[in-house]
Amino acid sequence: MALLKVGTENNTPIELYYEDRGTGKPIVLVHGWPLSGASWERQSAALLKAGHRVITYDRRGFGRSSQPAAGYEYDTLAKDTWHLLEALDLKDVTLVGFSMGGGEVARYLGKYNEGRVTKAVFMSAIPPALRKSGDNPEGVDPAVFDGIKKGIEADRFAFLEAFLQNFYNADALKERISPAAIHASFNVATASGYEGFLACVDAWLEDFREDLKQVKIPTLVIHGDADRILPIDATGKRTAALIPGAKLHVIKDGPHGLNWTHATEVNTALLSFLK
């Protein structure tokens, strides 16, 4: 519906595509990798029906946003979120991040929030810290991510086809996710820029623990107990434990892409939190 300039590259505008619909309290939805704001369609419909103003946008490099060569680290990505909230002059915002989008939520709240965001939701989200280290033994060996990058560099489309099967636990949830829906996600993902598609893998290793310490607002964490991409013990449970008063809602048998496969339960939990 609209484009927002957030920077330039070689005198060419870097623009975010966003949609701003409905009235009421604003909900800003930040999508996951490697999709776009369109991946929120089942949540957007429920939120609009419940009387909310719903804002979705495409991360730089993805969807209908610009595809610059750089800017895929979380300080820049969260600053893009900041630009959007400032440009629309949003107040009393609920900021919702899915998967990689949870990193934008964490970094925005840790570095950029000046009172506009009053509630937060982390859904199948990447925080608190994926990189395994001496002070983060619950993390993942960085070599795993080197393997992901090699797979993308060799043939990102073949990599993506296998990735989406595990994104939705397609083998176990055939009644909840159709081949056509997976194919639609594949089409959206293949339209992303190669540079952003690859560079975002490095961003996944960002440490958000200090950002989460700054979160002083009501927070909901939604995560599936069958998430193969970001297992709940390494992510959702730890995030909920690090934020005082955070509520953890566990989706039984929920895969990573639970906002599609378990949309009814996700929407019920989300709407209940918003009340």
Protein backbone atom coordinates (compact mmCIF):
# COMPACT_ATOMS: atom_id res chain seq x y z
CA MET A 1 0.00 0.00 0.00
CA ALA A 2 2.89 2.40 0.69
CA LEU A 3 6.67 2.78 0.68
CA LEU A 4 8.80 4.37 3.40
CA LYS A 5 12.33 5.59 2.70
CA VAL A 6 14.78 4.43 5.40
CA GLY A 7 18.09 5.19 3.71
CA THR A 8 19.98 5.32 0.42
CA GLU A 9 22.44 3.17 -1.49
CA ASN A 10 24.39 4.84 -4.31
CA ASN A 11 21.79 7.63 -4.41
CA THR A 12 19.00 5.07 -4.77
CA PRO A 13 16.33 5.12 -2.03
CA ILE A 14 16.10 2.12 0.28
CA GLU A 15 12.37 1.71 0.86
CA LEU A 16 10.22 -0.52 3.04
CA TYR A 17 6.91 -1.73 1.70
CA TYR A 18 4.22 -1.57 4.36
CA GLU A 19 0.47 -1.93 4.79
CA ASP A 20 -1.51 0.05 7.36
CA ARG A 21 -5.11 -1.07 7.76
CA GLY A 22 -7.94 -0.73 10.22
CA THR A 23 -8.47 1.47 13.27
CA GLY A 24 -8.02 1.13 17.00
CA LYS A 25 -4.86 0.34 18.93
CA PRO A 26 -1.98 -0.35 16.55
CA ILE A 27 -0.36 -3.78 16.20
CA VAL A 28 2.91 -3.90 14.25
CA LEU A 29 3.77 -7.37 12.91
CA VAL A 30 7.39 -8.19 12.00
CA HIS A 31 7.75 -11.27 9.80
CA GLY A 32 10.28 -14.09 9.82
CA TRP A 33 12.96 -15.25 7.39
CA PRO A 34 12.68 -15.73 4.45
CA LEU A 35 9.08 -14.57 4.01
CA SER A 36 7.31 -11.19 3.98
CA GLY A 37 4.57 -9.28 5.74
CA ALA A 38 2.06 -11.35 3.77
CA SER A 39 2.88 -14.32 6.03
CA TRP A 40 0.74 -12.69 8.73
CA GLU A 41 -2.50 -13.00 6.75
CA ARG A 42 -4.27 -15.24 9.28
CA GLN A 43 -3.33 -12.97 12.18
CA SER A 44 -4.10 -9.78 10.27
CA ALA A 45 -7.61 -10.98 9.46
CA ALA A 46 -8.35 -11.85 13.10
CA LEU A 47 -6.88 -8.62 14.43
CA LEU A 48 -8.78 -6.46 11.96
CA LYS A 49 -12.01 -8.26 12.79
CA ALA A 50 -11.38 -7.58 16.49
CA GLY A 51 -11.08 -3.85 15.81
CA HIS A 52 -7.34 -3.28 15.74
CA ARG A 53 -5.17 -1.19 13.46
CA VAL A 54 -2.77 -3.63 11.81
CA ILE A 55 0.57 -2.62 10.31
CA THR A 56 2.74 -5.12 8.46
CA TYR A 57 5.95 -4.44 6.56
CA ASP A 58 8.49 -6.31 4.50
CA ARG A 59 12.01 -6.44 5.93
CA ARG A 60 14.64 -4.87 3.67
CA GLY A 61 15.72 -7.45 1.12
CA PHE A 62 12.42 -9.32 1.25
CA GLY A 63 8.92 -9.07 -0.17
CA ARG A 64 8.28 -5.80 -1.95
CA SER A 65 10.89 -3.78 -0.07
CA SER A 66 14.20 -2.64 -1.56
CA GLN A 67 17.02 -5.16 -1.82
CA PRO A 68 20.21 -3.29 -0.85
CA ALA A 69 23.57 -5.01 -0.60
CA ALA A 70 23.97 -4.30 3.12
CA GLY A 71 22.10 -3.49 6.31
CA TYR A 72 21.13 -6.98 7.42
CA GLU A 73 22.46 -6.77 10.96
CA TYR A 74 20.03 -6.14 13.80
CA ASP A 75 20.97 -2.56 14.64
CA THR A 76 19.95 -1.54 11.12
CA LEU A 77 16.94 -3.85 10.97
CA ALA A 78 15.60 -2.54 14.28
CA LYS A 79 16.28 1.02 13.15
CA ASP A 80 14.07 0.28 10.13
CA THR A 81 11.32 -0.68 12.58
CA TRP A 82 11.98 2.58 14.45
CA HIS A 83 11.64 4.56 11.20
CA LEU A 84 8.25 2.99 10.54
CA LEU A 85 6.84 3.68 14.01
CA GLU A 86 8.15 7.25 13.88
CA ALA A 87 6.87 7.95 10.37
CA LEU A 88 3.37 6.75 11.29
CA ASP A 89 3.61 8.42 14.71
CA LEU A 90 2.29 5.28 16.37
CA LYS A 91 1.49 5.27 20.08
CA ASP A 92 0.47 2.53 22.53
CA VAL A 93 1.84 -0.05 20.10
CA THR A 94 1.96 -3.81 20.49
CA LEU A 95 5.07 -4.99 18.64
CA VAL A 96 4.95 -8.63 17.50
CA GLY A 97 7.96 -10.47 16.11
CA PHE A 98 7.89 -13.90 14.48
CA SER A 99 11.11 -15.95 14.26
CA MET A 100 13.83 -13.59 13.01
CA GLY A 101 11.36 -10.75 13.58
CA GLY A 102 11.72 -11.41 17.30
CA GLY A 103 15.21 -10.00 16.98
CA GLU A 104 13.87 -6.68 15.71
CA VAL A 105 11.47 -6.59 18.67
CA ALA A 106 14.24 -7.33 21.18
CA ARG A 107 16.71 -4.83 19.70
CA TYR A 108 14.06 -2.15 19.26
CA LEU A 109 13.02 -2.47 22.91
CA GLY A 110 16.64 -2.57 24.05
CA LYS A 111 17.87 0.38 22.03
CA TYR A 112 15.16 2.45 20.37
CA ASN A 113 11.94 2.37 22.37
CA GLU A 114 11.00 5.77 23.76
CA GLY A 115 7.57 4.82 25.01
CA ARG A 116 5.74 4.10 21.77
CA VAL A 117 5.66 0.33 22.35
CA THR A 118 3.66 -0.72 25.42
CA LYS A 119 3.30 -4.48 24.79
CA ALA A 120 5.49 -7.06 23.10
CA VAL A 121 5.01 -10.54 21.64
CA PHE A 122 7.76 -13.00 20.71
CA MET A 123 6.38 -15.75 18.46
CA SER A 124 8.59 -18.70 17.47
CA ALA A 125 11.27 -16.11 18.04
CA ILE A 126 15.05 -16.20 17.80
CA PRO A 127 16.07 -14.58 21.14
CA PRO A 128 17.74 -14.75 23.54
CA ALA A 129 21.04 -16.01 21.99
CA LEU A 130 21.65 -18.77 19.46
CA ARG A 131 25.45 -18.78 19.36
CA LYS A 132 26.91 -21.42 21.70
CA SER A 133 29.71 -20.05 23.85
CA GLY A 134 31.24 -20.35 27.30
CA ASP A 135 28.57 -18.13 28.83
CA ASN A 136 25.82 -19.46 26.58
CA PRO A 137 26.07 -23.27 26.66
CA GLU A 138 22.39 -23.63 25.65
CA GLY A 139 23.18 -22.20 22.23
CA VAL A 140 23.95 -23.85 18.91
CA ASP A 141 27.41 -24.59 17.52
CA PRO A 142 28.20 -21.79 15.00
CA ALA A 143 29.36 -24.48 12.58
CA VAL A 144 25.68 -25.32 12.02
CA PHE A 145 25.14 -21.86 10.56
CA ASP A 146 28.23 -22.15 8.38
CA GLY A 147 26.59 -25.27 6.93
CA ILE A 148 23.38 -23.35 6.29
CA LYS A 149 25.31 -20.64 4.45
CA LYS A 150 27.11 -23.23 2.32
CA GLY A 151 23.77 -24.78 1.42
CA ILE A 152 22.39 -21.40 0.39
CA GLU A 153 25.48 -20.56 -1.63
CA ALA A 154 25.38 -23.90 -3.43
CA ASP A 155 21.67 -23.79 -4.35
CA ARG A 156 19.42 -21.62 -2.23
CA PHE A 157 16.27 -22.94 -3.89
CA ALA A 158 17.04 -26.57 -3.06
CA PHE A 159 17.97 -25.48 0.47
CA LEU A 160 14.72 -23.57 0.79
CA GLU A 161 12.59 -26.49 -0.35
CA ALA A 162 13.95 -28.69 2.46
CA PHE A 163 13.89 -25.85 4.99
CA LEU A 164 10.18 -25.19 4.50
CA GLN A 165 9.33 -28.84 5.12
CA ASN A 166 10.81 -28.48 8.61
CA PHE A 167 9.46 -24.94 8.99
CA TYR A 168 5.94 -26.39 8.95
CA ASN A 169 6.68 -29.98 10.12
CA ALA A 170 4.96 -30.95 6.90
CA ASP A 171 5.47 -34.67 7.36
CA ALA A 172 3.67 -34.66 10.74
CA LEU A 173 1.02 -32.02 10.05
CA LYS A 174 -0.38 -32.94 6.64
CA GLU A 175 -3.88 -32.06 7.80
CA ARG A 176 -2.78 -28.57 8.83
CA ILE A 177 -0.51 -27.47 5.98
CA SER A 178 -1.13 -28.18 2.30
CA PRO A 179 1.54 -28.55 -0.38
CA ALA A 180 0.00 -25.50 -2.02
CA ALA A 181 0.55 -23.38 1.10
CA ILE A 182 4.16 -24.51 1.32
CA HIS A 183 4.58 -23.72 -2.37
CA ALA A 184 3.20 -20.22 -1.73
CA SER A 185 5.82 -19.68 0.99
CA PHE A 186 8.48 -20.95 -1.43
CA ASN A 187 7.40 -18.42 -4.05
CA VAL A 188 7.53 -15.54 -1.57
CA ALA A 189 10.95 -16.59 -0.29
CA THR A 190 12.50 -16.98 -3.75
CA ALA A 191 11.54 -13.39 -4.56
CA SER A 192 13.88 -12.13 -1.83
CA GLY A 193 17.27 -10.65 -2.69
CA TYR A 194 20.17 -13.08 -2.56
CA GLU A 195 22.34 -10.77 -0.43
CA GLY A 196 19.72 -10.42 2.30
CA PHE A 197 18.76 -14.09 2.11
CA LEU A 198 22.36 -15.07 2.87
CA ALA A 199 23.46 -12.24 5.17
CA CYS A 200 20.56 -12.73 7.57
CA VAL A 201 22.05 -16.08 8.61
CA ASP A 202 24.92 -14.21 10.32
CA ALA A 203 22.38 -11.97 12.06
CA TRP A 204 20.78 -15.01 13.68
CA LEU A 205 23.85 -15.30 15.93
CA GLU A 206 23.18 -11.94 17.58
CA ASP A 207 23.03 -11.97 21.39
CA PHE A 208 19.84 -10.31 22.66
CA ARG A 209 20.23 -11.00 26.35
CA GLU A 210 21.13 -7.41 27.20
CA ASP A 211 18.20 -6.16 25.11
CA LEU A 212 15.78 -8.42 26.95
CA LYS A 213 16.96 -6.99 30.27
CA GLN A 214 15.53 -3.65 29.12
CA VAL A 215 12.04 -5.04 28.53
CA LYS A 216 9.76 -3.61 31.22
CA ILE A 217 6.42 -3.94 29.45
CA PRO A 218 3.82 -6.75 29.37
CA THR A 219 5.21 -9.52 27.19
CA LEU A 220 3.80 -12.68 25.66
CA VAL A 221 5.97 -15.51 24.34
CA ILE A 222 4.28 -17.99 21.97
CA HIS A 223 6.25 -21.04 20.91
CA GLY A 224 5.58 -24.55 19.64
CA ASP A 225 6.93 -27.53 21.53
CA ALA A 226 7.74 -29.24 18.21
CA ASP A 227 9.68 -26.35 16.65
CA ARG A 228 12.47 -27.90 14.55
CA ILE A 229 13.97 -24.58 13.45
CA LEU A 230 14.23 -22.82 16.83
CA PRO A 231 13.64 -25.45 19.54
CA ILE A 232 11.67 -24.06 22.46
CA ASP A 233 14.20 -25.01 25.14
CA ALA A 234 16.90 -22.91 23.49
CA THR A 235 14.66 -19.97 22.64
CA GLY A 236 11.10 -19.42 23.84
CA LYS A 237 11.45 -20.82 27.35
CA ARG A 238 14.66 -18.89 27.94
CA THR A 239 13.20 -15.64 26.61
CA ALA A 240 10.17 -15.94 28.88
CA ALA A 241 12.44 -16.60 31.87
CA LEU A 242 14.59 -13.54 31.15
CA ILE A 243 11.70 -11.04 31.01
CA PRO A 244 10.06 -10.40 34.39
CA GLY A 245 6.36 -11.21 34.31
CA ALA A 246 6.42 -12.57 30.76
CA LYS A 247 3.70 -15.08 29.93
CA LEU A 248 4.70 -18.24 28.02
CA HIS A 249 2.06 -19.88 25.84
CA VAL A 250 3.20 -23.26 24.52
CA ILE A 251 1.47 -24.61 21.42
CA LYS A 252 1.28 -28.41 21.68
CA ASP A 253 2.76 -30.05 18.57
CA GLY A 254 3.34 -26.58 17.18
CA PRO A 255 6.00 -26.29 14.47
CA HIS A 256 8.02 -23.19 13.70
CA GLY A 257 5.39 -21.87 11.29
CA LEU A 258 2.60 -22.16 13.83
CA ASN A 259 1.03 -18.85 12.87
CA TRP A 260 -0.32 -20.77 9.85
CA THR A 261 -0.72 -24.35 11.10
CA HIS A 262 -2.17 -23.41 14.50
CA ALA A 263 -3.61 -20.02 13.60
CA THR A 264 -6.77 -20.35 15.71
CA GLU A 265 -4.88 -21.06 18.93
CA VAL A 266 -2.26 -18.43 18.15
CA ASN A 267 -4.91 -15.79 17.42
CA THR A 268 -6.84 -16.63 20.59
CA ALA A 269 -3.72 -16.24 22.71
CA LEU A 270 -2.78 -13.02 20.93
CA LEU A 271 -6.21 -11.44 21.27
CA SER A 272 -6.46 -12.43 24.91
CA PHE A 273 -3.12 -10.76 25.60
CA LEU A 274 -4.18 -7.60 23.78
CA LYS A 275 -7.24 -7.27 26.01
